[in-house]
């Protein structure tokens, strides 16, 4: 885990099921869930399940498999929600 990672951030708490969420889809590497304060008719957040401090940290340090399955989940959500 990155030493700068805040284990008490909202996303870490969601991943540990300490904060409820409305799951849209998930796989072994990422979770997609509805935003609790949506700014659009479809507002879904997708986060990696491992401890990354931001998207740059994720793209620099995640395994090829993590990145692949993150983007697969993005695509699956697009298909499920019929987002074009």
PDB file of N, CA and C in Angstrom:
ATOM      1  N   UNK A   1       0.847  -1.178   0.000  1.00  0.00           N
ATOM      2  CA  UNK A   1       0.000   0.000   0.000  1.00  0.00           C
ATOM      3  C   UNK A   1       0.893   1.242   0.000  1.00  0.00           C
ATOM      4  N   UNK A   2       0.478   2.237  -0.745  1.00  0.00           N
ATOM      5  CA  UNK A   2       1.175   3.505  -0.809  1.00  0.00           C
ATOM      6  C   UNK A   2       1.119   4.168   0.564  1.00  0.00           C
ATOM      7  N   UNK A   3       2.265   4.660   1.048  1.00  0.00           N
ATOM      8  CA  UNK A   3       2.316   5.265   2.384  1.00  0.00           C
ATOM      9  C   UNK A   3       1.457   6.518   2.501  1.00  0.00           C
ATOM     10  N   UNK A   4       1.137   7.147   1.364  1.00  0.00           N
ATOM     11  CA  UNK A   4       0.300   8.348   1.368  1.00  0.00           C
ATOM     12  C   UNK A   4      -1.193   8.027   1.269  1.00  0.00           C
ATOM     13  N   UNK A   5      -1.532   6.755   1.157  1.00  0.00           N
ATOM     14  CA  UNK A   5      -2.930   6.365   1.018  1.00  0.00           C
ATOM     15  C   UNK A   5      -3.671   6.561   2.328  1.00  0.00           C
ATOM     16  N   UNK A   6      -4.798   7.235   2.277  1.00  0.00           N
ATOM     17  CA  UNK A   6      -5.643   7.468   3.449  1.00  0.00           C
ATOM     18  C   UNK A   6      -6.657   6.327   3.560  1.00  0.00           C
ATOM     19  N   UNK A   7      -6.426   5.427   4.500  1.00  0.00           N
ATOM     20  CA  UNK A   7      -7.311   4.269   4.667  1.00  0.00           C
ATOM     21  C   UNK A   7      -8.718   4.659   5.122  1.00  0.00           C
ATOM     22  N   UNK A   8      -8.905   5.898   5.519  1.00  0.00           N
ATOM     23  CA  UNK A   8     -10.221   6.345   5.969  1.00  0.00           C
ATOM     24  C   UNK A   8     -10.948   7.198   4.937  1.00  0.00           C
ATOM     25  N   UNK A   9     -10.416   7.258   3.706  1.00  0.00           N
ATOM     26  CA  UNK A   9     -11.131   8.019   2.679  1.00  0.00           C
ATOM     27  C   UNK A   9     -12.442   7.309   2.342  1.00  0.00           C
ATOM     28  N   UNK A  10     -13.369   8.050   1.775  1.00  0.00           N
ATOM     29  CA  UNK A  10     -14.712   7.515   1.529  1.00  0.00           C
ATOM     30  C   UNK A  10     -14.698   6.273   0.648  1.00  0.00           C
ATOM     31  N   UNK A  11     -13.801   6.229  -0.336  1.00  0.00           N
ATOM     32  CA  UNK A  11     -13.765   5.078  -1.238  1.00  0.00           C
ATOM     33  C   UNK A  11     -13.244   3.831  -0.533  1.00  0.00           C
ATOM     34  N   UNK A  12     -12.241   3.995   0.316  1.00  0.00           N
ATOM     35  CA  UNK A  12     -11.738   2.857   1.102  1.00  0.00           C
ATOM     36  C   UNK A  12     -12.832   2.331   2.027  1.00  0.00           C
ATOM     37  N   UNK A  13     -13.595   3.243   2.602  1.00  0.00           N
ATOM     38  CA  UNK A  13     -14.677   2.849   3.502  1.00  0.00           C
ATOM     39  C   UNK A  13     -15.797   2.143   2.737  1.00  0.00           C
ATOM     40  N   UNK A  14     -16.063   2.575   1.513  1.00  0.00           N
ATOM     41  CA  UNK A  14     -17.057   1.881   0.680  1.00  0.00           C
ATOM     42  C   UNK A  14     -16.564   0.482   0.349  1.00  0.00           C
ATOM     43  N   UNK A  15     -15.303   0.357  -0.021  1.00  0.00           N
ATOM     44  CA  UNK A  15     -14.746  -0.961  -0.372  1.00  0.00           C
ATOM     45  C   UNK A  15     -14.773  -1.920   0.816  1.00  0.00           C
ATOM     46  N   UNK A  16     -14.641  -1.389   2.025  1.00  0.00           N
ATOM     47  CA  UNK A  16     -14.698  -2.227   3.231  1.00  0.00           C
ATOM     48  C   UNK A  16     -16.132  -2.421   3.723  1.00  0.00           C
ATOM     49  N   UNK A  17     -17.112  -1.917   2.981  1.00  0.00           N
ATOM     50  CA  UNK A  17     -18.539  -2.004   3.326  1.00  0.00           C
ATOM     51  C   UNK A  17     -18.884  -1.278   4.620  1.00  0.00           C
ATOM     52  N   UNK A  18     -18.087  -0.310   5.010  1.00  0.00           N
ATOM     53  CA  UNK A  18     -18.395   0.521   6.174  1.00  0.00           C
ATOM     54  C   UNK A  18     -19.396   1.618   5.808  1.00  0.00           C
ATOM     55  N   UNK A  19     -19.374   1.994   4.539  1.00  0.00           N
ATOM     56  CA  UNK A  19     -20.314   2.976   4.002  1.00  0.00           C
ATOM     57  C   UNK A  19     -21.084   2.265   2.898  1.00  0.00           C
ATOM     58  N   UNK A  20     -22.412   2.280   2.956  1.00  0.00           N
ATOM     59  CA  UNK A  20     -23.180   1.583   1.927  1.00  0.00           C
ATOM     60  C   UNK A  20     -23.083   2.290   0.574  1.00  0.00           C
ATOM     61  N   UNK A  21     -23.289   1.512  -0.464  1.00  0.00           N
ATOM     62  CA  UNK A  21     -23.343   2.068  -1.812  1.00  0.00           C
ATOM     63  C   UNK A  21     -24.345   1.258  -2.627  1.00  0.00           C
ATOM     64  N   UNK A  22     -24.771   1.856  -3.714  1.00  0.00           N
ATOM     65  CA  UNK A  22     -25.642   1.141  -4.644  1.00  0.00           C
ATOM     66  C   UNK A  22     -24.739   0.619  -5.755  1.00  0.00           C
ATOM     67  N   UNK A  23     -24.384  -0.662  -5.643  1.00  0.00           N
ATOM     68  CA  UNK A  23     -23.486  -1.272  -6.618  1.00  0.00           C
ATOM     69  C   UNK A  23     -24.172  -1.390  -7.963  1.00  0.00           C
ATOM     70  N   UNK A  24     -23.428  -1.048  -8.994  1.00  0.00           N
ATOM     71  CA  UNK A  24     -23.906  -1.214 -10.368  1.00  0.00           C
ATOM     72  C   UNK A  24     -23.326  -2.507 -10.908  1.00  0.00           C
ATOM     73  N   UNK A  25     -22.023  -2.644 -10.831  1.00  0.00           N
ATOM     74  CA  UNK A  25     -21.292  -3.852 -11.235  1.00  0.00           C
ATOM     75  C   UNK A  25     -19.977  -3.884 -10.474  1.00  0.00           C
ATOM     76  N   UNK A  26     -19.380  -5.061 -10.431  1.00  0.00           N
ATOM     77  CA  UNK A  26     -18.027  -5.162  -9.888  1.00  0.00           C
ATOM     78  C   UNK A  26     -17.346  -6.395 -10.442  1.00  0.00           C
ATOM     79  N   UNK A  27     -16.030  -6.397 -10.355  1.00  0.00           N
ATOM     80  CA  UNK A  27     -15.248  -7.583 -10.666  1.00  0.00           C
ATOM     81  C   UNK A  27     -14.180  -7.698  -9.585  1.00  0.00           C
ATOM     82  N   UNK A  28     -13.219  -8.559  -9.770  1.00  0.00           N
ATOM     83  CA  UNK A  28     -12.194  -8.751  -8.739  1.00  0.00           C
ATOM     84  C   UNK A  28     -11.307  -7.527  -8.537  1.00  0.00           C
ATOM     85  N   UNK A  29     -11.289  -6.610  -9.495  1.00  0.00           N
ATOM     86  CA  UNK A  29     -10.328  -5.511  -9.475  1.00  0.00           C
ATOM     87  C   UNK A  29     -10.938  -4.117  -9.371  1.00  0.00           C
ATOM     88  N   UNK A  30     -12.250  -3.987  -9.590  1.00  0.00           N
ATOM     89  CA  UNK A  30     -12.869  -2.669  -9.579  1.00  0.00           C
ATOM     90  C   UNK A  30     -14.337  -2.762  -9.159  1.00  0.00           C
ATOM     91  N   UNK A  31     -14.851  -1.625  -8.711  1.00  0.00           N
ATOM     92  CA  UNK A  31     -16.237  -1.522  -8.263  1.00  0.00           C
ATOM     93  C   UNK A  31     -16.877  -0.316  -8.944  1.00  0.00           C
ATOM     94  N   UNK A  32     -18.073  -0.510  -9.479  1.00  0.00           N
ATOM     95  CA  UNK A  32     -18.861   0.572 -10.059  1.00  0.00           C
ATOM     96  C   UNK A  32     -20.098   0.759  -9.188  1.00  0.00           C
ATOM     97  N   UNK A  33     -20.364   2.008  -8.805  1.00  0.00           N
ATOM     98  CA  UNK A  33     -21.520   2.291  -7.959  1.00  0.00           C
ATOM     99  C   UNK A  33     -22.087   3.665  -8.291  1.00  0.00           C
ATOM    100  N   UNK A  34     -23.366   3.834  -7.957  1.00  0.00           N
ATOM    101  CA  UNK A  34     -24.043   5.094  -8.225  1.00  0.00           C
ATOM    102  C   UNK A  34     -23.567   6.175  -7.263  1.00  0.00           C
ATOM    103  N   UNK A  35     -23.404   7.382  -7.786  1.00  0.00           N
ATOM    104  CA  UNK A  35     -23.032   8.535  -6.967  1.00  0.00           C
ATOM    105  C   UNK A  35     -24.214   8.881  -6.057  1.00  0.00           C
ATOM    106  N   UNK A  36     -23.941   9.188  -4.784  1.00  0.00           N
ATOM    107  CA  UNK A  36     -25.035   9.518  -3.866  1.00  0.00           C
ATOM    108  C   UNK A  36     -25.570  10.934  -4.100  1.00  0.00           C
ATOM    109  N   UNK A  37     -24.824  11.750  -4.823  1.00  0.00           N
ATOM    110  CA  UNK A  37     -25.259  13.104  -5.151  1.00  0.00           C
ATOM    111  C   UNK A  37     -25.071  13.323  -6.654  1.00  0.00           C
ATOM    112  N   UNK A  38     -25.855  12.622  -7.467  1.00  0.00           N
ATOM    113  CA  UNK A  38     -25.630  12.642  -8.918  1.00  0.00           C
ATOM    114  C   UNK A  38     -25.783  14.039  -9.526  1.00  0.00           C
ATOM    115  N   UNK A  39     -24.895  14.348 -10.450  1.00  0.00           N
ATOM    116  CA  UNK A  39     -24.925  15.612 -11.168  1.00  0.00           C
ATOM    117  C   UNK A  39     -25.468  15.438 -12.578  1.00  0.00           C
ATOM    118  N   UNK A  40     -25.871  14.224 -12.911  1.00  0.00           N
ATOM    119  CA  UNK A  40     -26.444  13.899 -14.215  1.00  0.00           C
ATOM    120  C   UNK A  40     -27.412  12.736 -14.025  1.00  0.00           C
ATOM    121  N   UNK A  41     -28.221  12.452 -15.041  1.00  0.00           N
ATOM    122  CA  UNK A  41     -29.195  11.361 -14.918  1.00  0.00           C
ATOM    123  C   UNK A  41     -28.506  10.007 -14.710  1.00  0.00           C
ATOM    124  N   UNK A  42     -27.337   9.841 -15.291  1.00  0.00           N
ATOM    125  CA  UNK A  42     -26.506   8.656 -15.032  1.00  0.00           C
ATOM    126  C   UNK A  42     -25.179   9.172 -14.495  1.00  0.00           C
ATOM    127  N   UNK A  43     -24.892   8.838 -13.250  1.00  0.00           N
ATOM    128  CA  UNK A  43     -23.642   9.294 -12.617  1.00  0.00           C
ATOM    129  C   UNK A  43     -23.096   8.121 -11.807  1.00  0.00           C
ATOM    130  N   UNK A  44     -22.164   7.402 -12.417  1.00  0.00           N
ATOM    131  CA  UNK A  44     -21.606   6.185 -11.830  1.00  0.00           C
ATOM    132  C   UNK A  44     -20.113   6.372 -11.611  1.00  0.00           C
ATOM    133  N   UNK A  45     -19.661   6.010 -10.435  1.00  0.00           N
ATOM    134  CA  UNK A  45     -18.235   6.060 -10.111  1.00  0.00           C
ATOM    135  C   UNK A  45     -17.662   4.658 -10.247  1.00  0.00           C
ATOM    136  N   UNK A  46     -16.444   4.590 -10.763  1.00  0.00           N
ATOM    137  CA  UNK A  46     -15.751   3.302 -10.897  1.00  0.00           C
ATOM    138  C   UNK A  46     -14.383   3.470 -10.269  1.00  0.00           C
ATOM    139  N   UNK A  47     -14.102   2.608  -9.298  1.00  0.00           N
ATOM    140  CA  UNK A  47     -12.846   2.721  -8.560  1.00  0.00           C
ATOM    141  C   UNK A  47     -12.120   1.382  -8.527  1.00  0.00           C
ATOM    142  N   UNK A  48     -10.793   1.424  -8.528  1.00  0.00           N
ATOM    143  CA  UNK A  48     -10.037   0.184  -8.351  1.00  0.00           C
ATOM    144  C   UNK A  48     -10.186  -0.294  -6.906  1.00  0.00           C
ATOM    145  N   UNK A  49     -10.042  -1.581  -6.701  1.00  0.00           N
ATOM    146  CA  UNK A  49     -10.210  -2.137  -5.357  1.00  0.00           C
ATOM    147  C   UNK A  49      -8.937  -2.076  -4.516  1.00  0.00           C
ATOM    148  N   UNK A  50      -7.801  -1.891  -5.150  1.00  0.00           N
ATOM    149  CA  UNK A  50      -6.561  -1.776  -4.376  1.00  0.00           C
ATOM    150  C   UNK A  50      -6.337  -0.334  -3.960  1.00  0.00           C
ATOM    151  N   UNK A  51      -5.371  -0.110  -3.104  1.00  0.00           N
ATOM    152  CA  UNK A  51      -5.111   1.189  -2.489  1.00  0.00           C
ATOM    153  C   UNK A  51      -4.242   2.090  -3.366  1.00  0.00           C
ATOM    154  N   UNK A  52      -4.898   2.943  -4.125  1.00  0.00           N
ATOM    155  CA  UNK A  52      -4.195   3.935  -4.947  1.00  0.00           C
ATOM    156  C   UNK A  52      -4.639   5.317  -4.502  1.00  0.00           C
ATOM    157  N   UNK A  53      -3.702   6.269  -4.480  1.00  0.00           N
ATOM    158  CA  UNK A  53      -4.040   7.598  -3.972  1.00  0.00           C
ATOM    159  C   UNK A  53      -4.748   8.471  -5.005  1.00  0.00           C
ATOM    160  N   UNK A  54      -4.576   8.148  -6.289  1.00  0.00           N
ATOM    161  CA  UNK A  54      -5.258   8.881  -7.355  1.00  0.00           C
ATOM    162  C   UNK A  54      -5.127   8.084  -8.651  1.00  0.00           C
ATOM    163  N   UNK A  55      -5.694   8.611  -9.724  1.00  0.00           N
ATOM    164  CA  UNK A  55      -5.682   7.855 -10.976  1.00  0.00           C
ATOM    165  C   UNK A  55      -4.271   7.725 -11.542  1.00  0.00           C
ATOM    166  N   UNK A  56      -3.448   8.741 -11.354  1.00  0.00           N
ATOM    167  CA  UNK A  56      -2.057   8.659 -11.812  1.00  0.00           C
ATOM    168  C   UNK A  56      -1.331   7.518 -11.091  1.00  0.00           C
ATOM    169  N   UNK A  57      -1.505   7.418  -9.792  1.00  0.00           N
ATOM    170  CA  UNK A  57      -0.902   6.331  -9.014  1.00  0.00           C
ATOM    171  C   UNK A  57      -1.377   4.979  -9.556  1.00  0.00           C
ATOM    172  N   UNK A  58      -2.666   4.878  -9.859  1.00  0.00           N
ATOM    173  CA  UNK A  58      -3.224   3.649 -10.425  1.00  0.00           C
ATOM    174  C   UNK A  58      -2.562   3.315 -11.762  1.00  0.00           C
ATOM    175  N   UNK A  59      -2.521   4.261 -12.691  1.00  0.00           N
ATOM    176  CA  UNK A  59      -1.969   3.968 -14.021  1.00  0.00           C
ATOM    177  C   UNK A  59      -0.477   3.681 -13.972  1.00  0.00           C
ATOM    178  N   UNK A  60       0.218   4.239 -13.013  1.00  0.00           N
ATOM    179  CA  UNK A  60       1.659   4.014 -12.883  1.00  0.00           C
ATOM    180  C   UNK A  60       2.004   2.705 -12.173  1.00  0.00           C
ATOM    181  N   UNK A  61       1.145   2.263 -11.251  1.00  0.00           N
ATOM    182  CA  UNK A  61       1.529   1.158 -10.368  1.00  0.00           C
ATOM    183  C   UNK A  61       0.651  -0.087 -10.425  1.00  0.00           C
ATOM    184  N   UNK A  62      -0.495   0.002 -11.031  1.00  0.00           N
ATOM    185  CA  UNK A  62      -1.376  -1.166 -11.113  1.00  0.00           C
ATOM    186  C   UNK A  62      -0.807  -2.185 -12.093  1.00  0.00           C
ATOM    187  N   UNK A  63      -1.148  -3.429 -11.851  1.00  0.00           N
ATOM    188  CA  UNK A  63      -0.736  -4.484 -12.774  1.00  0.00           C
ATOM    189  C   UNK A  63      -1.518  -4.349 -14.080  1.00  0.00           C
ATOM    190  N   UNK A  64      -1.005  -4.975 -15.119  1.00  0.00           N
ATOM    191  CA  UNK A  64      -1.701  -4.979 -16.413  1.00  0.00           C
ATOM    192  C   UNK A  64      -3.103  -5.562 -16.241  1.00  0.00           C
ATOM    193  N   UNK A  65      -3.219  -6.587 -15.428  1.00  0.00           N
ATOM    194  CA  UNK A  65      -4.513  -7.233 -15.210  1.00  0.00           C
ATOM    195  C   UNK A  65      -5.490  -6.274 -14.522  1.00  0.00           C
ATOM    196  N   UNK A  66      -5.011  -5.528 -13.511  1.00  0.00           N
ATOM    197  CA  UNK A  66      -5.876  -4.563 -12.837  1.00  0.00           C
ATOM    198  C   UNK A  66      -6.386  -3.503 -13.813  1.00  0.00           C
ATOM    199  N   UNK A  67      -5.488  -2.981 -14.618  1.00  0.00           N
ATOM    200  CA  UNK A  67      -5.867  -1.949 -15.595  1.00  0.00           C
ATOM    201  C   UNK A  67      -6.851  -2.535 -16.613  1.00  0.00           C
ATOM    202  N   UNK A  68      -6.553  -3.721 -17.103  1.00  0.00           N
ATOM    203  CA  UNK A  68      -7.429  -4.374 -18.078  1.00  0.00           C
ATOM    204  C   UNK A  68      -8.842  -4.559 -17.513  1.00  0.00           C
ATOM    205  N   UNK A  69      -8.949  -5.067 -16.294  1.00  0.00           N
ATOM    206  CA  UNK A  69     -10.255  -5.333 -15.722  1.00  0.00           C
ATOM    207  C   UNK A  69     -10.965  -4.065 -15.264  1.00  0.00           C
ATOM    208  N   UNK A  70     -10.214  -3.013 -14.943  1.00  0.00           N
ATOM    209  CA  UNK A  70     -10.829  -1.725 -14.659  1.00  0.00           C
ATOM    210  C   UNK A  70     -11.561  -1.235 -15.915  1.00  0.00           C
ATOM    211  N   UNK A  71     -10.854  -1.237 -17.055  1.00  0.00           N
ATOM    212  CA  UNK A  71     -11.464  -0.746 -18.297  1.00  0.00           C
ATOM    213  C   UNK A  71     -12.547  -1.697 -18.806  1.00  0.00           C
ATOM    214  N   UNK A  72     -12.425  -2.984 -18.515  1.00  0.00           N
ATOM    215  CA  UNK A  72     -13.493  -3.915 -18.879  1.00  0.00           C
ATOM    216  C   UNK A  72     -14.757  -3.568 -18.102  1.00  0.00           C
ATOM    217  N   UNK A  73     -14.600  -3.237 -16.829  1.00  0.00           N
ATOM    218  CA  UNK A  73     -15.760  -2.848 -16.034  1.00  0.00           C
ATOM    219  C   UNK A  73     -16.381  -1.555 -16.566  1.00  0.00           C
ATOM    220  N   UNK A  74     -15.556  -0.598 -16.947  1.00  0.00           N
ATOM    221  CA  UNK A  74     -16.072   0.634 -17.556  1.00  0.00           C
ATOM    222  C   UNK A  74     -16.929   0.269 -18.761  1.00  0.00           C
ATOM    223  N   UNK A  75     -16.410  -0.571 -19.626  1.00  0.00           N
ATOM    224  CA  UNK A  75     -17.146  -0.975 -20.825  1.00  0.00           C
ATOM    225  C   UNK A  75     -18.437  -1.725 -20.464  1.00  0.00           C
ATOM    226  N   UNK A  76     -18.370  -2.597 -19.480  1.00  0.00           N
ATOM    227  CA  UNK A  76     -19.567  -3.344 -19.056  1.00  0.00           C
ATOM    228  C   UNK A  76     -20.651  -2.403 -18.532  1.00  0.00           C
ATOM    229  N   UNK A  77     -20.247  -1.364 -17.804  1.00  0.00           N
ATOM    230  CA  UNK A  77     -21.218  -0.385 -17.305  1.00  0.00           C
ATOM    231  C   UNK A  77     -21.840   0.383 -18.475  1.00  0.00           C
ATOM    232  N   UNK A  78     -21.023   0.762 -19.439  1.00  0.00           N
ATOM    233  CA  UNK A  78     -21.524   1.466 -20.626  1.00  0.00           C
ATOM    234  C   UNK A  78     -22.587   0.621 -21.329  1.00  0.00           C
ATOM    235  N   UNK A  79     -22.300  -0.661 -21.479  1.00  0.00           N
ATOM    236  CA  UNK A  79     -23.258  -1.559 -22.131  1.00  0.00           C
ATOM    237  C   UNK A  79     -24.520  -1.719 -21.283  1.00  0.00           C
ATOM    238  N   UNK A  80     -24.346  -1.980 -19.981  1.00  0.00           N
ATOM    239  CA  UNK A  80     -25.481  -2.185 -19.083  1.00  0.00           C
ATOM    240  C   UNK A  80     -26.407  -0.972 -19.060  1.00  0.00           C
ATOM    241  N   UNK A  81     -25.826   0.206 -18.975  1.00  0.00           N
ATOM    242  CA  UNK A  81     -26.624   1.432 -18.850  1.00  0.00           C
ATOM    243  C   UNK A  81     -26.976   2.061 -20.199  1.00  0.00           C
ATOM    244  N   UNK A  82     -26.540   1.398 -21.270  1.00  0.00           N
ATOM    245  CA  UNK A  82     -26.828   1.867 -22.635  1.00  0.00           C
ATOM    246  C   UNK A  82     -26.362   3.320 -22.829  1.00  0.00           C
ATOM    247  N   UNK A  83     -25.134   3.567 -22.404  1.00  0.00           N
ATOM    248  CA  UNK A  83     -24.530   4.889 -22.549  1.00  0.00           C
ATOM    249  C   UNK A  83     -23.816   4.929 -23.887  1.00  0.00           C
ATOM    250  N   UNK A  84     -24.136   5.931 -24.684  1.00  0.00           N
ATOM    251  CA  UNK A  84     -23.472   6.008 -25.999  1.00  0.00           C
ATOM    252  C   UNK A  84     -22.688   7.281 -26.144  1.00  0.00           C
TER     253      UNK A  84
END
